[in-house]
Amino acid sequence: MRLPMIALLAALVMAGCSSTSRVMLGPTYPPLSPAQVRIYYQPPPRYREVALLETESGGFTYGEQNKMNAVLTKLRVEAA
């Protein structure tokens, strides 16, 4: 009985450590695969803003590269 409660509590804590917020700015488009989402560090010459996304790597992510990978993965999933 205690083990399922501990597992549930751990899952809730981990879920609460990272969140993604989204503010829609334009029209929505059909969903696509996260692998198809391109991340630009500078806006391309022609673009349309669709949404503002904000996320965190999570409290259990260690190392700068792992944190960056976690953030980019979450942003791709949310954008897709």
Protein backbone atom coordinates (compact mmCIF):
# COMPACT_ATOMS: atom_id res chain seq x y z
CA MET A 1 0.00 0.00 0.00
CA ARG A 2 2.79 2.43 0.82
CA LEU A 3 4.82 1.74 -2.33
CA PRO A 4 2.03 2.84 -4.76
CA MET A 5 1.51 6.03 -2.71
CA ILE A 6 5.23 6.82 -2.79
CA ALA A 7 5.33 6.20 -6.56
CA LEU A 8 2.31 8.45 -7.07
CA LEU A 9 3.83 11.20 -4.94
CA ALA A 10 7.12 10.96 -6.84
CA ALA A 11 5.29 11.21 -10.18
CA LEU A 12 3.39 14.28 -9.02
CA VAL A 13 6.56 15.96 -7.79
CA MET A 14 8.35 15.30 -11.08
CA ALA A 15 5.38 16.54 -13.09
CA GLY A 16 5.25 19.70 -11.04
CA CYS A 17 8.92 20.49 -11.60
CA SER A 18 8.54 21.35 -15.26
CA SER A 19 5.77 22.98 -17.17
CA THR A 20 5.29 24.47 -20.60
CA SER A 21 3.16 27.51 -21.25
CA ARG A 22 1.75 28.56 -24.60
CA VAL A 23 0.23 31.83 -25.81
CA MET A 24 -1.35 31.58 -29.24
CA LEU A 25 -0.65 34.59 -31.49
CA GLY A 26 -1.97 33.37 -34.82
CA PRO A 27 -3.88 30.60 -36.55
CA THR A 28 -3.38 26.97 -35.63
CA TYR A 29 -2.05 24.45 -38.13
CA PRO A 30 -2.50 20.68 -38.42
CA PRO A 31 -0.28 18.73 -36.02
CA LEU A 32 3.03 17.31 -37.23
CA SER A 33 5.83 15.19 -35.86
CA PRO A 34 8.15 16.88 -33.32
CA ALA A 35 11.06 15.75 -35.52
CA GLN A 36 9.73 18.04 -38.27
CA VAL A 37 9.83 21.15 -36.06
CA ARG A 38 12.73 23.47 -36.87
CA ILE A 39 14.22 25.65 -34.16
CA TYR A 40 15.75 28.92 -35.33
CA TYR A 41 18.02 31.03 -33.15
CA GLN A 42 17.39 34.05 -35.38
CA PRO A 43 14.14 34.68 -37.30
CA PRO A 44 14.36 33.67 -40.97
CA PRO A 45 13.68 36.37 -43.60
CA ARG A 46 10.01 35.38 -43.88
CA TYR A 47 8.13 34.01 -40.90
CA ARG A 48 4.81 34.17 -39.09
CA GLU A 49 4.52 34.11 -35.32
CA VAL A 50 2.06 31.44 -34.27
CA ALA A 51 2.69 31.11 -30.54
CA LEU A 52 4.99 32.05 -27.69
CA LEU A 53 6.28 28.99 -25.84
CA GLU A 54 8.07 28.88 -22.51
CA THR A 55 9.40 25.83 -20.70
CA GLU A 56 12.03 24.63 -18.24
CA SER A 57 14.39 21.67 -18.28
CA GLY A 58 13.02 20.26 -15.02
CA GLY A 59 14.48 19.92 -11.57
CA PHE A 60 16.02 16.49 -12.14
CA THR A 61 18.05 17.39 -15.26
CA TYR A 62 21.80 17.72 -14.66
CA GLY A 63 24.45 19.15 -16.95
CA GLU A 64 24.08 22.14 -19.24
CA GLN A 65 23.83 20.11 -22.45
CA ASN A 66 21.19 17.80 -20.94
CA LYS A 67 19.18 20.83 -19.80
CA MET A 68 19.35 22.37 -23.28
CA ASN A 69 18.32 19.08 -24.90
CA ALA A 70 15.38 18.72 -22.48
CA VAL A 71 14.17 22.26 -23.20
CA LEU A 72 14.45 21.85 -26.98
CA THR A 73 12.63 18.52 -26.86
CA LYS A 74 9.75 20.02 -24.86
CA LEU A 75 9.54 23.01 -27.19
CA ARG A 76 9.46 20.74 -30.27
CA VAL A 77 6.69 18.62 -28.76
CA GLU A 78 4.61 21.67 -27.83
CA ALA A 79 5.16 23.33 -31.21
CA ALA A 80 4.24 20.18 -33.09
